[in-house]
């Protein structure tokens, strides 16, 4: 199984200034290293769109990481600009990742409705915004982790890994493998009641 390289970007004026200790970033690092992969890059930046964009672009375009997880700056505060900075640099959005996080979080607290994360891909990197608290980071990472490896396999076009995951899912759900009639020579037969009739 391929190891995933992860970049963790903490977005916080106070953590950047050193007046508050970052707890969400280190929590993410621990969670990543427990099974998803290795943390290749970390940084703390203020709530400034230019600084956020600079790191996202540098890490993704430089091929330094497969996944970037940001923490912080996703709320309704005037300085919360992480989603806008992220949206401005991604090439394709990934709304499913956001829906997964929000659905899970709403089951925990109604305040999750006030979170504004963004997600998408740039070059060969998956980028996802997470909230800024240690507790919320832990919960949201738990909702994302089951699909992040497969997302990276898809972005990097790892056909063998993608096929293996699909086969595993079909087996777990007792879904029979699809048999294409075009490749089995049955495409000229009319199907009636589940039986091919010439």
N, C-alpha and C. Protein backbone atom coordinates (compact mmCIF):
# COMPACT_ATOMS: atom_id res chain seq x y z
N UNK A 1 0.85 -1.20 0.00
CA UNK A 1 0.00 0.00 0.00
C UNK A 1 0.88 1.25 0.00
N UNK A 2 0.60 2.16 -0.92
CA UNK A 2 1.39 3.37 -1.03
C UNK A 2 1.18 4.30 0.16
N UNK A 3 2.26 4.89 0.65
CA UNK A 3 2.16 5.85 1.74
C UNK A 3 1.72 7.19 1.18
N UNK A 4 0.88 7.86 1.93
CA UNK A 4 0.37 9.17 1.51
C UNK A 4 1.15 10.26 2.21
N UNK A 5 1.61 11.24 1.43
CA UNK A 5 2.33 12.39 2.00
C UNK A 5 1.32 13.50 2.27
N UNK A 6 1.30 13.96 3.50
CA UNK A 6 0.29 14.94 3.92
C UNK A 6 0.95 16.23 4.36
N UNK A 7 0.37 17.34 3.95
CA UNK A 7 0.78 18.65 4.44
C UNK A 7 -0.31 19.19 5.36
N UNK A 8 0.10 19.75 6.49
CA UNK A 8 -0.85 20.31 7.46
C UNK A 8 -0.58 21.80 7.60
N UNK A 9 -1.59 22.59 7.27
CA UNK A 9 -1.46 24.05 7.33
C UNK A 9 -2.43 24.60 8.38
N UNK A 10 -1.87 25.12 9.47
CA UNK A 10 -2.69 25.75 10.50
C UNK A 10 -2.87 27.23 10.15
N UNK A 11 -4.11 27.67 10.12
CA UNK A 11 -4.42 29.06 9.79
C UNK A 11 -4.98 29.74 11.04
N UNK A 12 -4.18 30.64 11.60
CA UNK A 12 -4.59 31.30 12.85
C UNK A 12 -3.70 32.51 13.11
N UNK A 13 -4.32 33.67 13.30
CA UNK A 13 -3.56 34.86 13.66
C UNK A 13 -2.81 34.67 14.96
N UNK A 14 -3.51 34.16 15.98
CA UNK A 14 -2.91 34.04 17.31
C UNK A 14 -1.82 32.96 17.35
N UNK A 15 -2.04 31.84 16.69
CA UNK A 15 -1.00 30.79 16.67
C UNK A 15 0.21 31.26 15.87
N UNK A 16 -0.04 31.98 14.79
CA UNK A 16 1.04 32.50 13.98
C UNK A 16 1.88 33.51 14.76
N UNK A 17 1.22 34.30 15.59
CA UNK A 17 1.92 35.31 16.39
C UNK A 17 2.58 34.71 17.62
N UNK A 18 2.26 33.46 17.93
CA UNK A 18 2.85 32.81 19.10
C UNK A 18 2.17 33.12 20.41
N UNK A 19 1.02 33.77 20.36
CA UNK A 19 0.30 34.10 21.60
C UNK A 19 -0.60 32.95 22.08
N UNK A 20 -0.88 32.02 21.17
CA UNK A 20 -1.67 30.84 21.50
C UNK A 20 -0.95 29.62 20.90
N UNK A 21 -0.95 28.52 21.64
CA UNK A 21 -0.30 27.30 21.16
C UNK A 21 -1.24 26.54 20.23
N UNK A 22 -0.73 26.16 19.09
CA UNK A 22 -1.51 25.38 18.13
C UNK A 22 -1.72 23.97 18.67
N UNK A 23 -2.97 23.57 18.83
CA UNK A 23 -3.27 22.20 19.25
C UNK A 23 -3.91 21.38 18.13
N UNK A 24 -4.58 22.06 17.20
CA UNK A 24 -5.26 21.35 16.12
C UNK A 24 -4.27 20.75 15.13
N UNK A 25 -3.23 21.50 14.77
CA UNK A 25 -2.23 20.99 13.83
C UNK A 25 -1.54 19.73 14.34
N UNK A 26 -1.00 19.76 15.57
CA UNK A 26 -0.39 18.55 16.12
C UNK A 26 -1.37 17.38 16.25
N UNK A 27 -2.63 17.68 16.55
CA UNK A 27 -3.64 16.61 16.62
C UNK A 27 -3.81 15.96 15.25
N UNK A 28 -3.87 16.78 14.21
CA UNK A 28 -3.97 16.24 12.85
C UNK A 28 -2.75 15.38 12.51
N UNK A 29 -1.58 15.85 12.90
CA UNK A 29 -0.35 15.10 12.63
C UNK A 29 -0.41 13.71 13.27
N UNK A 30 -0.85 13.66 14.50
CA UNK A 30 -0.98 12.37 15.20
C UNK A 30 -1.97 11.47 14.48
N UNK A 31 -3.11 12.01 14.09
CA UNK A 31 -4.14 11.22 13.42
C UNK A 31 -3.65 10.68 12.09
N UNK A 32 -2.96 11.52 11.32
CA UNK A 32 -2.44 11.10 10.02
C UNK A 32 -1.45 9.96 10.19
N UNK A 33 -0.55 10.10 11.16
CA UNK A 33 0.52 9.12 11.33
C UNK A 33 0.04 7.82 11.97
N UNK A 34 -1.19 7.81 12.45
CA UNK A 34 -1.75 6.57 13.01
C UNK A 34 -2.20 5.59 11.94
N UNK A 35 -2.17 6.02 10.68
CA UNK A 35 -2.59 5.06 9.65
C UNK A 35 -2.68 5.59 8.24
N UNK A 36 -2.98 6.88 8.07
CA UNK A 36 -3.16 7.39 6.70
C UNK A 36 -1.85 7.52 5.95
N UNK A 37 -0.81 8.03 6.61
CA UNK A 37 0.45 8.24 5.91
C UNK A 37 1.45 8.99 6.76
N UNK A 38 2.28 9.77 6.09
CA UNK A 38 3.32 10.53 6.78
C UNK A 38 3.11 12.02 6.55
N UNK A 39 3.44 12.81 7.56
CA UNK A 39 3.32 14.26 7.43
C UNK A 39 4.62 14.79 6.84
N UNK A 40 4.53 15.32 5.62
CA UNK A 40 5.71 15.78 4.90
C UNK A 40 5.96 17.27 5.07
N UNK A 41 4.90 18.05 5.29
CA UNK A 41 5.04 19.51 5.43
C UNK A 41 4.09 20.00 6.52
N UNK A 42 4.54 20.96 7.30
CA UNK A 42 3.67 21.65 8.26
C UNK A 42 4.02 23.14 8.24
N UNK A 43 3.04 23.96 8.53
CA UNK A 43 3.28 25.40 8.63
C UNK A 43 2.11 26.04 9.38
N UNK A 44 2.39 27.20 9.95
CA UNK A 44 1.36 28.02 10.60
C UNK A 44 1.38 29.38 9.94
N UNK A 45 0.22 29.82 9.48
CA UNK A 45 0.12 31.13 8.82
C UNK A 45 -1.00 31.93 9.45
N UNK A 46 -0.96 33.26 9.35
CA UNK A 46 -2.08 34.07 9.86
C UNK A 46 -3.29 33.94 8.96
N UNK A 47 -4.41 34.47 9.41
CA UNK A 47 -5.64 34.46 8.62
C UNK A 47 -5.52 35.49 7.50
N UNK A 48 -4.70 35.14 6.53
CA UNK A 48 -4.42 36.03 5.42
C UNK A 48 -4.47 35.21 4.13
N UNK A 49 -5.35 35.59 3.21
CA UNK A 49 -5.57 34.79 2.00
C UNK A 49 -4.29 34.60 1.20
N UNK A 50 -3.46 35.62 1.11
CA UNK A 50 -2.24 35.51 0.33
C UNK A 50 -1.29 34.46 0.90
N UNK A 51 -1.13 34.45 2.22
CA UNK A 51 -0.27 33.46 2.86
C UNK A 51 -0.81 32.05 2.70
N UNK A 52 -2.11 31.91 2.82
CA UNK A 52 -2.75 30.59 2.66
C UNK A 52 -2.53 30.09 1.24
N UNK A 53 -2.85 30.93 0.26
CA UNK A 53 -2.69 30.54 -1.15
C UNK A 53 -1.25 30.16 -1.47
N UNK A 54 -0.31 30.92 -0.94
CA UNK A 54 1.10 30.67 -1.24
C UNK A 54 1.52 29.26 -0.83
N UNK A 55 1.09 28.84 0.35
CA UNK A 55 1.45 27.49 0.82
C UNK A 55 0.70 26.42 0.03
N UNK A 56 -0.57 26.62 -0.23
CA UNK A 56 -1.34 25.62 -0.96
C UNK A 56 -0.77 25.41 -2.36
N UNK A 57 -0.44 26.49 -3.03
CA UNK A 57 0.11 26.40 -4.39
C UNK A 57 1.51 25.80 -4.39
N UNK A 58 2.34 26.25 -3.47
CA UNK A 58 3.72 25.75 -3.40
C UNK A 58 3.77 24.26 -3.12
N UNK A 59 3.00 23.81 -2.16
CA UNK A 59 3.01 22.39 -1.78
C UNK A 59 2.42 21.51 -2.87
N UNK A 60 1.33 21.96 -3.49
CA UNK A 60 0.68 21.12 -4.51
C UNK A 60 1.43 21.15 -5.84
N UNK A 61 1.75 22.34 -6.32
CA UNK A 61 2.44 22.44 -7.61
C UNK A 61 3.85 21.87 -7.55
N UNK A 62 4.45 21.91 -6.37
CA UNK A 62 5.79 21.37 -6.22
C UNK A 62 5.82 19.86 -6.05
N UNK A 63 4.64 19.24 -6.00
CA UNK A 63 4.57 17.79 -5.85
C UNK A 63 5.08 17.32 -4.50
N UNK A 64 4.99 18.18 -3.50
CA UNK A 64 5.55 17.85 -2.18
C UNK A 64 4.63 16.99 -1.33
N UNK A 65 3.31 17.05 -1.61
CA UNK A 65 2.34 16.31 -0.81
C UNK A 65 1.23 15.78 -1.71
N UNK A 66 0.54 14.75 -1.22
CA UNK A 66 -0.61 14.19 -1.92
C UNK A 66 -1.91 14.76 -1.37
N UNK A 67 -1.88 15.16 -0.10
CA UNK A 67 -3.06 15.72 0.57
C UNK A 67 -2.62 16.93 1.38
N UNK A 68 -3.41 18.00 1.32
CA UNK A 68 -3.20 19.14 2.22
C UNK A 68 -4.45 19.27 3.09
N UNK A 69 -4.25 19.24 4.40
CA UNK A 69 -5.33 19.46 5.34
C UNK A 69 -5.07 20.79 6.03
N UNK A 70 -6.00 21.73 5.88
CA UNK A 70 -5.86 22.99 6.60
C UNK A 70 -6.74 22.92 7.84
N UNK A 71 -6.38 23.66 8.85
CA UNK A 71 -7.20 23.75 10.06
C UNK A 71 -7.31 25.20 10.48
N UNK A 72 -8.56 25.66 10.63
CA UNK A 72 -8.79 27.04 11.05
C UNK A 72 -9.29 27.94 9.94
N UNK A 73 -9.95 29.00 10.34
CA UNK A 73 -10.38 30.03 9.39
C UNK A 73 -11.58 29.68 8.55
N UNK A 74 -12.44 28.75 9.04
CA UNK A 74 -13.58 28.32 8.23
C UNK A 74 -14.92 28.83 8.77
N UNK A 75 -14.88 29.71 9.76
CA UNK A 75 -16.12 30.17 10.38
C UNK A 75 -16.67 31.44 9.76
N UNK A 76 -17.46 32.18 10.55
CA UNK A 76 -18.14 33.38 10.07
C UNK A 76 -17.41 34.67 10.46
N UNK A 77 -16.27 34.54 11.13
CA UNK A 77 -15.53 35.73 11.54
C UNK A 77 -15.00 36.52 10.35
N UNK A 78 -14.79 37.79 10.57
CA UNK A 78 -14.30 38.66 9.49
C UNK A 78 -12.94 38.22 8.97
N UNK A 79 -12.13 37.59 9.80
CA UNK A 79 -10.79 37.16 9.40
C UNK A 79 -10.78 35.72 8.86
N UNK A 80 -11.92 35.05 8.86
CA UNK A 80 -11.99 33.66 8.39
C UNK A 80 -12.06 33.62 6.87
N UNK A 81 -10.91 33.42 6.23
CA UNK A 81 -10.84 33.47 4.76
C UNK A 81 -10.26 32.20 4.14
N UNK A 82 -10.09 31.15 4.95
CA UNK A 82 -9.49 29.93 4.40
C UNK A 82 -10.29 29.35 3.24
N UNK A 83 -11.63 29.27 3.32
CA UNK A 83 -12.38 28.72 2.18
C UNK A 83 -12.22 29.54 0.90
N UNK A 84 -12.23 30.86 1.06
CA UNK A 84 -12.07 31.71 -0.13
C UNK A 84 -10.69 31.55 -0.75
N UNK A 85 -9.66 31.48 0.10
CA UNK A 85 -8.30 31.28 -0.41
C UNK A 85 -8.17 29.94 -1.11
N UNK A 86 -8.77 28.92 -0.53
CA UNK A 86 -8.71 27.58 -1.12
C UNK A 86 -9.46 27.51 -2.44
N UNK A 87 -10.67 28.04 -2.45
CA UNK A 87 -11.48 28.01 -3.67
C UNK A 87 -10.79 28.74 -4.82
N UNK A 88 -10.03 29.77 -4.49
CA UNK A 88 -9.38 30.55 -5.54
C UNK A 88 -8.23 29.82 -6.23
N UNK A 89 -7.72 28.73 -5.62
CA UNK A 89 -6.57 28.05 -6.22
C UNK A 89 -6.87 26.61 -6.65
N UNK A 90 -7.99 26.01 -6.20
CA UNK A 90 -8.26 24.64 -6.63
C UNK A 90 -8.70 24.62 -8.10
N UNK A 91 -8.39 23.52 -8.75
CA UNK A 91 -8.76 23.37 -10.17
C UNK A 91 -10.09 22.64 -10.31
N UNK A 92 -10.40 21.76 -9.37
CA UNK A 92 -11.68 21.05 -9.36
C UNK A 92 -12.18 20.99 -7.92
N UNK A 93 -13.45 21.28 -7.72
CA UNK A 93 -14.00 21.23 -6.37
C UNK A 93 -14.39 19.79 -6.01
N UNK A 94 -14.48 19.52 -4.70
CA UNK A 94 -14.84 18.19 -4.22
C UNK A 94 -15.94 18.31 -3.17
N UNK A 95 -17.16 18.63 -3.60
CA UNK A 95 -18.25 18.86 -2.65
C UNK A 95 -18.60 17.64 -1.81
N UNK A 96 -18.35 16.44 -2.32
CA UNK A 96 -18.66 15.24 -1.56
C UNK A 96 -17.89 15.16 -0.26
N UNK A 97 -16.64 15.59 -0.28
CA UNK A 97 -15.84 15.59 0.95
C UNK A 97 -16.43 16.53 1.99
N UNK A 98 -16.91 17.67 1.52
CA UNK A 98 -17.52 18.65 2.41
C UNK A 98 -18.83 18.11 2.99
N UNK A 99 -19.65 17.51 2.13
CA UNK A 99 -20.92 16.96 2.59
C UNK A 99 -20.69 15.88 3.64
N UNK A 100 -19.67 15.05 3.42
CA UNK A 100 -19.36 13.99 4.38
C UNK A 100 -19.01 14.57 5.75
N UNK A 101 -18.16 15.58 5.75
CA UNK A 101 -17.78 16.21 7.02
C UNK A 101 -18.96 16.87 7.70
N UNK A 102 -19.73 17.64 6.93
CA UNK A 102 -20.83 18.39 7.54
C UNK A 102 -21.94 17.47 8.04
N UNK A 103 -22.23 16.41 7.29
CA UNK A 103 -23.26 15.47 7.73
C UNK A 103 -22.87 14.82 9.04
N UNK A 104 -21.62 14.39 9.13
CA UNK A 104 -21.14 13.79 10.36
C UNK A 104 -21.12 14.77 11.51
N UNK A 105 -20.68 15.98 11.23
CA UNK A 105 -20.56 16.99 12.28
C UNK A 105 -21.93 17.45 12.78
N UNK A 106 -22.90 17.54 11.89
CA UNK A 106 -24.24 17.96 12.30
C UNK A 106 -24.89 16.95 13.24
N UNK A 107 -24.47 15.71 13.15
CA UNK A 107 -24.97 14.69 14.07
C UNK A 107 -24.39 14.87 15.47
N UNK A 108 -23.31 15.66 15.55
CA UNK A 108 -22.65 15.90 16.83
C UNK A 108 -23.09 17.23 17.44
N UNK A 109 -23.17 18.28 16.59
CA UNK A 109 -23.55 19.61 17.08
C UNK A 109 -24.24 20.42 15.99
N UNK A 110 -25.29 21.17 16.34
CA UNK A 110 -25.96 22.01 15.34
C UNK A 110 -25.07 23.16 14.87
N UNK A 111 -24.04 23.49 15.65
CA UNK A 111 -23.14 24.58 15.26
C UNK A 111 -22.31 24.25 14.03
N UNK A 112 -22.29 22.98 13.64
CA UNK A 112 -21.57 22.60 12.42
C UNK A 112 -22.16 23.30 11.20
N UNK A 113 -23.41 23.74 11.30
CA UNK A 113 -24.04 24.45 10.19
C UNK A 113 -23.36 25.79 9.91
N UNK A 114 -22.55 26.26 10.86
CA UNK A 114 -21.87 27.54 10.69
C UNK A 114 -20.45 27.37 10.15
N UNK A 115 -20.08 26.17 9.79
CA UNK A 115 -18.75 25.93 9.22
C UNK A 115 -18.81 26.09 7.71
N UNK A 116 -17.76 26.66 7.13
CA UNK A 116 -17.75 26.96 5.68
C UNK A 116 -16.54 26.33 4.97
N UNK A 117 -16.27 25.06 5.14
CA UNK A 117 -15.07 24.49 4.54
C UNK A 117 -15.16 24.40 3.02
N UNK A 118 -14.00 24.32 2.39
CA UNK A 118 -13.92 24.09 0.96
C UNK A 118 -13.01 22.88 0.74
N UNK A 119 -13.14 22.26 -0.42
CA UNK A 119 -12.28 21.12 -0.75
C UNK A 119 -12.18 21.01 -2.25
N UNK A 120 -11.08 20.45 -2.71
CA UNK A 120 -10.89 20.26 -4.15
C UNK A 120 -9.52 19.68 -4.44
N UNK A 121 -9.17 19.71 -5.71
CA UNK A 121 -7.86 19.21 -6.11
C UNK A 121 -7.12 20.28 -6.91
N UNK A 122 -5.82 20.26 -6.76
CA UNK A 122 -4.95 21.10 -7.57
C UNK A 122 -3.75 20.25 -7.94
N UNK A 123 -3.42 20.22 -9.24
CA UNK A 123 -2.38 19.32 -9.72
C UNK A 123 -2.74 17.91 -9.25
N UNK A 124 -1.85 17.24 -8.55
CA UNK A 124 -2.12 15.89 -8.05
C UNK A 124 -2.33 15.87 -6.54
N UNK A 125 -2.90 16.94 -6.01
CA UNK A 125 -3.06 17.08 -4.57
C UNK A 125 -4.52 17.30 -4.19
N UNK A 126 -4.98 16.57 -3.18
CA UNK A 126 -6.31 16.77 -2.62
C UNK A 126 -6.20 17.76 -1.47
N UNK A 127 -7.04 18.79 -1.48
CA UNK A 127 -6.99 19.85 -0.46
C UNK A 127 -8.33 19.92 0.25
N UNK A 128 -8.30 19.87 1.60
CA UNK A 128 -9.53 19.93 2.38
C UNK A 128 -9.35 20.87 3.56
N UNK A 129 -10.33 21.76 3.77
CA UNK A 129 -10.35 22.64 4.94
C UNK A 129 -11.06 21.97 6.10
N UNK A 130 -10.42 21.97 7.27
CA UNK A 130 -11.03 21.47 8.49
C UNK A 130 -11.19 22.62 9.48
N UNK A 131 -12.05 22.47 10.48
CA UNK A 131 -12.22 23.53 11.48
C UNK A 131 -10.94 23.73 12.29
N UNK A 132 -10.98 24.70 13.21
CA UNK A 132 -9.78 25.07 13.93
C UNK A 132 -9.60 24.48 15.32
N UNK A 133 -10.61 23.82 15.86
CA UNK A 133 -10.45 23.28 17.21
C UNK A 133 -9.95 21.84 17.17
N UNK A 134 -9.27 21.44 18.23
CA UNK A 134 -8.73 20.09 18.33
C UNK A 134 -9.83 19.04 18.25
N UNK A 135 -10.93 19.27 18.96
CA UNK A 135 -12.05 18.33 18.98
C UNK A 135 -12.69 18.20 17.59
N UNK A 136 -12.93 19.34 16.95
CA UNK A 136 -13.56 19.32 15.63
C UNK A 136 -12.66 18.69 14.58
N UNK A 137 -11.36 18.93 14.68
CA UNK A 137 -10.40 18.33 13.76
C UNK A 137 -10.43 16.81 13.88
N UNK A 138 -10.47 16.34 15.11
CA UNK A 138 -10.49 14.89 15.35
C UNK A 138 -11.75 14.27 14.76
N UNK A 139 -12.90 14.92 14.97
CA UNK A 139 -14.15 14.40 14.44
C UNK A 139 -14.17 14.43 12.91
N UNK A 140 -13.79 15.55 12.33
CA UNK A 140 -13.86 15.69 10.88
C UNK A 140 -12.86 14.78 10.17
N UNK A 141 -11.69 14.62 10.75
CA UNK A 141 -10.72 13.70 10.15
C UNK A 141 -11.29 12.28 10.14
N UNK A 142 -12.00 11.93 11.18
CA UNK A 142 -12.61 10.61 11.25
C UNK A 142 -13.62 10.38 10.13
N UNK A 143 -14.34 11.44 9.73
CA UNK A 143 -15.30 11.32 8.64
C UNK A 143 -14.59 11.23 7.29
N UNK A 144 -13.44 11.86 7.16
CA UNK A 144 -12.72 11.91 5.89
C UNK A 144 -11.80 10.72 5.64
N UNK A 145 -11.19 10.23 6.70
CA UNK A 145 -10.14 9.22 6.55
C UNK A 145 -10.54 8.02 5.70
N UNK A 146 -11.77 7.49 5.82
CA UNK A 146 -12.12 6.31 5.03
C UNK A 146 -12.05 6.50 3.52
N UNK A 147 -12.12 7.75 3.04
CA UNK A 147 -12.12 7.97 1.59
C UNK A 147 -10.88 8.68 1.07
N UNK A 148 -10.05 9.21 1.95
CA UNK A 148 -8.91 10.01 1.48
C UNK A 148 -7.91 9.18 0.68
N UNK A 149 -7.62 7.96 1.13
CA UNK A 149 -6.66 7.13 0.40
C UNK A 149 -7.16 6.84 -1.02
N UNK A 150 -8.44 6.53 -1.13
CA UNK A 150 -9.00 6.25 -2.45
C UNK A 150 -9.01 7.51 -3.32
N UNK A 151 -9.27 8.66 -2.70
CA UNK A 151 -9.23 9.93 -3.45
C UNK A 151 -7.85 10.16 -4.03
N UNK A 152 -6.81 9.89 -3.25
CA UNK A 152 -5.44 10.06 -3.73
C UNK A 152 -5.14 9.06 -4.85
N UNK A 153 -5.58 7.81 -4.70
CA UNK A 153 -5.37 6.81 -5.75
C UNK A 153 -6.02 7.26 -7.05
N UNK A 154 -7.20 7.86 -6.97
CA UNK A 154 -7.89 8.33 -8.17
C UNK A 154 -7.13 9.49 -8.81
N UNK A 155 -6.72 10.46 -7.99
CA UNK A 155 -6.01 11.63 -8.52
C UNK A 155 -4.68 11.22 -9.17
N UNK A 156 -3.99 10.27 -8.56
CA UNK A 156 -2.69 9.83 -9.07
C UNK A 156 -2.82 8.73 -10.11
N UNK A 157 -4.05 8.36 -10.45
CA UNK A 157 -4.32 7.35 -11.49
C UNK A 157 -3.65 6.01 -11.17
N UNK A 158 -3.74 5.60 -9.91
CA UNK A 158 -3.22 4.30 -9.50
C UNK A 158 -4.29 3.24 -9.79
N UNK A 159 -4.33 2.78 -11.02
CA UNK A 159 -5.41 1.91 -11.48
C UNK A 159 -5.53 0.62 -10.67
N UNK A 160 -4.41 0.03 -10.30
CA UNK A 160 -4.45 -1.20 -9.53
C UNK A 160 -5.10 -1.01 -8.18
N UNK A 161 -4.73 0.09 -7.49
CA UNK A 161 -5.31 0.37 -6.17
C UNK A 161 -6.79 0.71 -6.28
N UNK A 162 -7.14 1.47 -7.32
CA UNK A 162 -8.54 1.85 -7.51
C UNK A 162 -9.39 0.60 -7.74
N UNK A 163 -8.92 -0.29 -8.61
CA UNK A 163 -9.66 -1.52 -8.89
C UNK A 163 -9.78 -2.38 -7.64
N UNK A 164 -8.72 -2.47 -6.87
CA UNK A 164 -8.73 -3.27 -5.65
C UNK A 164 -9.77 -2.75 -4.66
N UNK A 165 -9.83 -1.43 -4.51
CA UNK A 165 -10.81 -0.82 -3.59
C UNK A 165 -12.23 -1.11 -4.06
N UNK A 166 -12.47 -0.96 -5.35
CA UNK A 166 -13.81 -1.22 -5.89
C UNK A 166 -14.21 -2.68 -5.67
N UNK A 167 -13.28 -3.59 -5.89
CA UNK A 167 -13.57 -5.01 -5.69
C UNK A 167 -13.88 -5.30 -4.22
N UNK A 168 -13.14 -4.68 -3.31
CA UNK A 168 -13.38 -4.88 -1.89
C UNK A 168 -14.76 -4.38 -1.49
N UNK A 169 -15.13 -3.22 -2.01
CA UNK A 169 -16.44 -2.66 -1.68
C UNK A 169 -17.56 -3.54 -2.21
N UNK A 170 -17.39 -4.07 -3.39
CA UNK A 170 -18.42 -4.94 -3.96
C UNK A 170 -18.56 -6.20 -3.12
N UNK A 171 -17.45 -6.73 -2.66
CA UNK A 171 -17.51 -7.93 -1.84
C UNK A 171 -18.17 -7.68 -0.50
N UNK A 172 -17.86 -6.51 0.10
CA UNK A 172 -18.43 -6.18 1.41
C UNK A 172 -19.93 -6.01 1.33
N UNK A 173 -20.39 -5.50 0.20
CA UNK A 173 -21.82 -5.24 0.05
C UNK A 173 -22.56 -6.37 -0.66
N UNK A 174 -21.86 -7.50 -0.90
CA UNK A 174 -22.46 -8.64 -1.60
C UNK A 174 -23.04 -8.25 -2.95
N UNK A 175 -22.35 -7.32 -3.60
CA UNK A 175 -22.80 -6.91 -4.92
C UNK A 175 -22.04 -7.74 -5.95
N UNK A 176 -22.73 -8.48 -6.81
CA UNK A 176 -22.02 -9.29 -7.79
C UNK A 176 -21.27 -8.41 -8.78
N UNK A 177 -20.15 -8.90 -9.25
CA UNK A 177 -19.37 -8.16 -10.24
C UNK A 177 -20.20 -7.95 -11.49
N UNK A 178 -20.08 -6.77 -12.08
CA UNK A 178 -20.81 -6.43 -13.28
C UNK A 178 -20.27 -7.22 -14.47
N UNK A 179 -21.14 -7.84 -15.21
CA UNK A 179 -20.74 -8.55 -16.42
C UNK A 179 -21.30 -7.80 -17.60
N UNK A 180 -20.41 -7.23 -18.39
CA UNK A 180 -20.84 -6.41 -19.53
C UNK A 180 -21.24 -7.31 -20.69
N UNK A 181 -22.47 -7.21 -21.19
CA UNK A 181 -22.90 -8.06 -22.30
C UNK A 181 -22.12 -7.79 -23.58
N UNK A 182 -21.56 -6.60 -23.71
CA UNK A 182 -20.81 -6.28 -24.93
C UNK A 182 -19.53 -7.08 -25.02
N UNK A 183 -18.97 -7.45 -23.87
CA UNK A 183 -17.72 -8.20 -23.89
C UNK A 183 -17.95 -9.70 -23.77
N UNK A 184 -19.18 -10.12 -23.45
CA UNK A 184 -19.44 -11.54 -23.29
C UNK A 184 -20.16 -12.15 -24.49
N UNK A 185 -20.42 -11.32 -25.50
CA UNK A 185 -21.04 -11.84 -26.71
C UNK A 185 -22.54 -11.96 -26.62
N UNK A 186 -23.15 -11.39 -25.59
CA UNK A 186 -24.60 -11.50 -25.41
C UNK A 186 -25.35 -10.24 -25.82
N UNK A 187 -24.67 -9.33 -26.52
CA UNK A 187 -25.31 -8.04 -26.78
C UNK A 187 -26.43 -8.11 -27.82
N UNK A 188 -26.58 -9.23 -28.54
CA UNK A 188 -27.66 -9.33 -29.51
C UNK A 188 -28.88 -10.06 -28.95
N UNK A 189 -28.79 -10.44 -27.66
CA UNK A 189 -29.89 -11.19 -27.07
C UNK A 189 -30.83 -10.27 -26.30
N UNK A 190 -32.11 -10.50 -26.45
CA UNK A 190 -33.11 -9.77 -25.69
C UNK A 190 -33.22 -10.41 -24.32
N UNK A 191 -33.27 -9.61 -23.29
CA UNK A 191 -33.35 -10.14 -21.94
C UNK A 191 -34.79 -10.10 -21.48
N UNK A 192 -35.32 -11.28 -21.11
CA UNK A 192 -36.68 -11.37 -20.61
C UNK A 192 -36.70 -12.18 -19.33
N UNK A 193 -37.15 -11.57 -18.27
CA UNK A 193 -37.21 -12.28 -17.00
C UNK A 193 -35.88 -12.78 -16.53
N UNK A 194 -34.81 -12.11 -16.89
CA UNK A 194 -33.48 -12.47 -16.43
C UNK A 194 -32.84 -13.56 -17.28
N UNK A 195 -33.52 -14.04 -18.33
CA UNK A 195 -32.95 -15.09 -19.17
C UNK A 195 -32.81 -14.57 -20.57
N UNK A 196 -31.64 -14.79 -21.19
CA UNK A 196 -31.40 -14.32 -22.55
C UNK A 196 -32.20 -15.17 -23.54
N UNK A 197 -32.93 -14.49 -24.42
CA UNK A 197 -33.71 -15.19 -25.44
C UNK A 197 -33.20 -14.78 -26.81
N UNK A 198 -32.89 -15.75 -27.65
CA UNK A 198 -32.34 -15.45 -28.98
C UNK A 198 -33.41 -14.84 -29.86
